[in-house]
C-alpha atoms as a PDB file:
ATOM      1  CA  UNK A   1      -0.176  -0.241   0.565  1.00  0.00           C
ATOM      2  CA  UNK A   2       1.036   3.638  -0.562  1.00  0.00           C
ATOM      3  CA  UNK A   3       1.361   4.018   3.319  1.00  0.00           C
ATOM      4  CA  UNK A   4       2.765   0.892   4.440  1.00  0.00           C
ATOM      5  CA  UNK A   5       6.103   2.429   5.204  1.00  0.00           C
ATOM      6  CA  UNK A   6       4.384   5.328   7.269  1.00  0.00           C
ATOM      7  CA  UNK A   7       2.322   3.189   9.762  1.00  0.00           C
ATOM      8  CA  UNK A   8       4.670   1.973  12.027  1.00  0.00           C
ATOM      9  CA  UNK A   9       4.602  -2.101  13.098  1.00  0.00           C
ATOM     10  CA  UNK A  10       3.609  -1.684  16.992  1.00  0.00           C
ATOM     11  CA  UNK A  11       0.928   1.035  16.143  1.00  0.00           C
ATOM     12  CA  UNK A  12      -0.132  -1.286  13.465  1.00  0.00           C
ATOM     13  CA  UNK A  13      -0.999  -4.150  15.998  1.00  0.00           C
ATOM     14  CA  UNK A  14      -2.400  -1.752  18.668  1.00  0.00           C
ATOM     15  CA  UNK A  15      -5.105  -0.698  16.032  1.00  0.00           C
ATOM     16  CA  UNK A  16      -6.024  -4.559  15.107  1.00  0.00           C
ATOM     17  CA  UNK A  17      -6.098  -5.338  18.830  1.00  0.00           C
ATOM     18  CA  UNK A  18      -8.319  -2.323  19.645  1.00  0.00           C
ATOM     19  CA  UNK A  19     -10.530  -3.249  16.816  1.00  0.00           C
ATOM     20  CA  UNK A  20     -10.543  -6.332  17.587  1.00  0.00           C
ATOM     21  CA  UNK A  21     -11.257  -6.348  21.251  1.00  0.00           C
ATOM     22  CA  UNK A  22     -13.983  -3.944  20.655  1.00  0.00           C
ATOM     23  CA  UNK A  23     -16.110  -6.076  18.169  1.00  0.00           C
ATOM     24  CA  UNK A  24     -15.556  -9.030  20.965  1.00  0.00           C
ATOM     25  CA  UNK A  25     -16.729  -7.233  23.384  1.00  0.00           C
ATOM     26  CA  UNK A  26     -19.560  -6.001  21.359  1.00  0.00           C
ATOM     27  CA  UNK A  27     -20.707  -9.876  20.017  1.00  0.00           C
ATOM     28  CA  UNK A  28     -20.500 -10.537  23.980  1.00  0.00           C
ATOM     29  CA  UNK A  29     -22.748  -8.497  24.846  1.00  0.00           C
ATOM     30  CA  UNK A  30     -25.353  -9.233  22.225  1.00  0.00           C
ATOM     31  CA  UNK A  31     -24.878 -12.846  22.492  1.00  0.00           C
ATOM     32  CA  UNK A  32     -25.576 -12.174  26.719  1.00  0.00           C
ATOM     33  CA  UNK A  33     -28.438 -10.259  25.935  1.00  0.00           C
ATOM     34  CA  UNK A  34     -29.741 -13.875  23.383  1.00  0.00           C
ATOM     35  CA  UNK A  35     -29.147 -16.354  25.799  1.00  0.00           C
ATOM     36  CA  UNK A  36     -30.419 -14.719  28.816  1.00  0.00           C
ATOM     37  CA  UNK A  37     -33.325 -12.966  27.208  1.00  0.00           C
ATOM     38  CA  UNK A  38     -32.851  -9.598  28.453  1.00  0.00           C
ATOM     39  CA  UNK A  39     -32.581  -7.979  25.363  1.00  0.00           C
ATOM     40  CA  UNK A  40     -32.717  -8.029  21.569  1.00  0.00           C
ATOM     41  CA  UNK A  41     -29.763  -9.607  19.689  1.00  0.00           C
ATOM     42  CA  UNK A  42     -29.162  -7.073  16.624  1.00  0.00           C
ATOM     43  CA  UNK A  43     -26.770  -7.499  13.801  1.00  0.00           C
ATOM     44  CA  UNK A  44     -26.380  -3.979  13.741  1.00  0.00           C
ATOM     45  CA  UNK A  45     -25.765  -2.891  17.144  1.00  0.00           C
ATOM     46  CA  UNK A  46     -22.402  -4.926  16.730  1.00  0.00           C
ATOM     47  CA  UNK A  47     -21.691  -3.210  13.176  1.00  0.00           C
ATOM     48  CA  UNK A  48     -22.396   0.402  14.858  1.00  0.00           C
ATOM     49  CA  UNK A  49     -20.242  -0.406  17.981  1.00  0.00           C
ATOM     50  CA  UNK A  50     -17.418  -1.607  15.835  1.00  0.00           C
ATOM     51  CA  UNK A  51     -17.539   1.278  13.946  1.00  0.00           C
ATOM     52  CA  UNK A  52     -18.260   3.834  17.172  1.00  0.00           C
ATOM     53  CA  UNK A  53     -14.874   1.729  18.621  1.00  0.00           C
ATOM     54  CA  UNK A  54     -12.859   2.655  14.994  1.00  0.00           C
ATOM     55  CA  UNK A  55     -13.984   6.538  15.119  1.00  0.00           C
ATOM     56  CA  UNK A  56     -13.141   6.972  18.848  1.00  0.00           C
ATOM     57  CA  UNK A  57      -9.471   5.177  18.208  1.00  0.00           C
ATOM     58  CA  UNK A  58      -9.072   7.872  15.555  1.00  0.00           C
ATOM     59  CA  UNK A  59     -10.414  10.716  18.199  1.00  0.00           C
ATOM     60  CA  UNK A  60      -7.871   8.903  20.712  1.00  0.00           C
ATOM     61  CA  UNK A  61      -4.709   9.096  18.222  1.00  0.00           C
ATOM     62  CA  UNK A  62      -6.018  12.960  17.371  1.00  0.00           C
ATOM     63  CA  UNK A  63      -5.777  13.847  20.653  1.00  0.00           C
ATOM     64  CA  UNK A  64      -2.762  12.123  21.981  1.00  0.00           C
ATOM     65  CA  UNK A  65      -0.505  13.604  19.115  1.00  0.00           C
ATOM     66  CA  UNK A  66      -1.775  16.968  19.117  1.00  0.00           C
ATOM     67  CA  UNK A  67      -1.219  17.293  22.846  1.00  0.00           C
ATOM     68  CA  UNK A  68       2.235  16.058  22.255  1.00  0.00           C
ATOM     69  CA  UNK A  69       2.513  18.856  19.038  1.00  0.00           C
ATOM     70  CA  UNK A  70       3.175  16.291  16.288  1.00  0.00           C
ATOM     71  CA  UNK A  71       1.649  16.730  13.217  1.00  0.00           C
ATOM     72  CA  UNK A  72       0.196  13.544  11.108  1.00  0.00           C
ATOM     73  CA  UNK A  73      -2.234  12.099   9.561  1.00  0.00           C
ATOM     74  CA  UNK A  74      -4.293  10.762  12.348  1.00  0.00           C
ATOM     75  CA  UNK A  75      -6.496   8.442  10.224  1.00  0.00           C
ATOM     76  CA  UNK A  76      -3.891   7.090   8.304  1.00  0.00           C
ATOM     77  CA  UNK A  77      -3.631   4.131  10.121  1.00  0.00           C
ATOM     78  CA  UNK A  78      -7.015   2.877   8.768  1.00  0.00           C
ATOM     79  CA  UNK A  79      -6.133   3.018   5.194  1.00  0.00           C
ATOM     80  CA  UNK A  80      -4.493  -0.330   4.600  1.00  0.00           C
END
């Protein structure tokens, strides 16, 4: 990819870990609702929660780098 050299391998691993954990937690909550019959299992909740994790992580990167005074393209990590 065009930006592959600019992405630190550790940052890519962190990104993937955060997204995967957010997805797994969302799936766990939805499955718990299905099993205990205390809520409604909805696929779109899983998708929306995962998108929220991605956006939240992007905001975190922006704020982290903004406080340090570094100038980066914050969402470049999500383009692979």
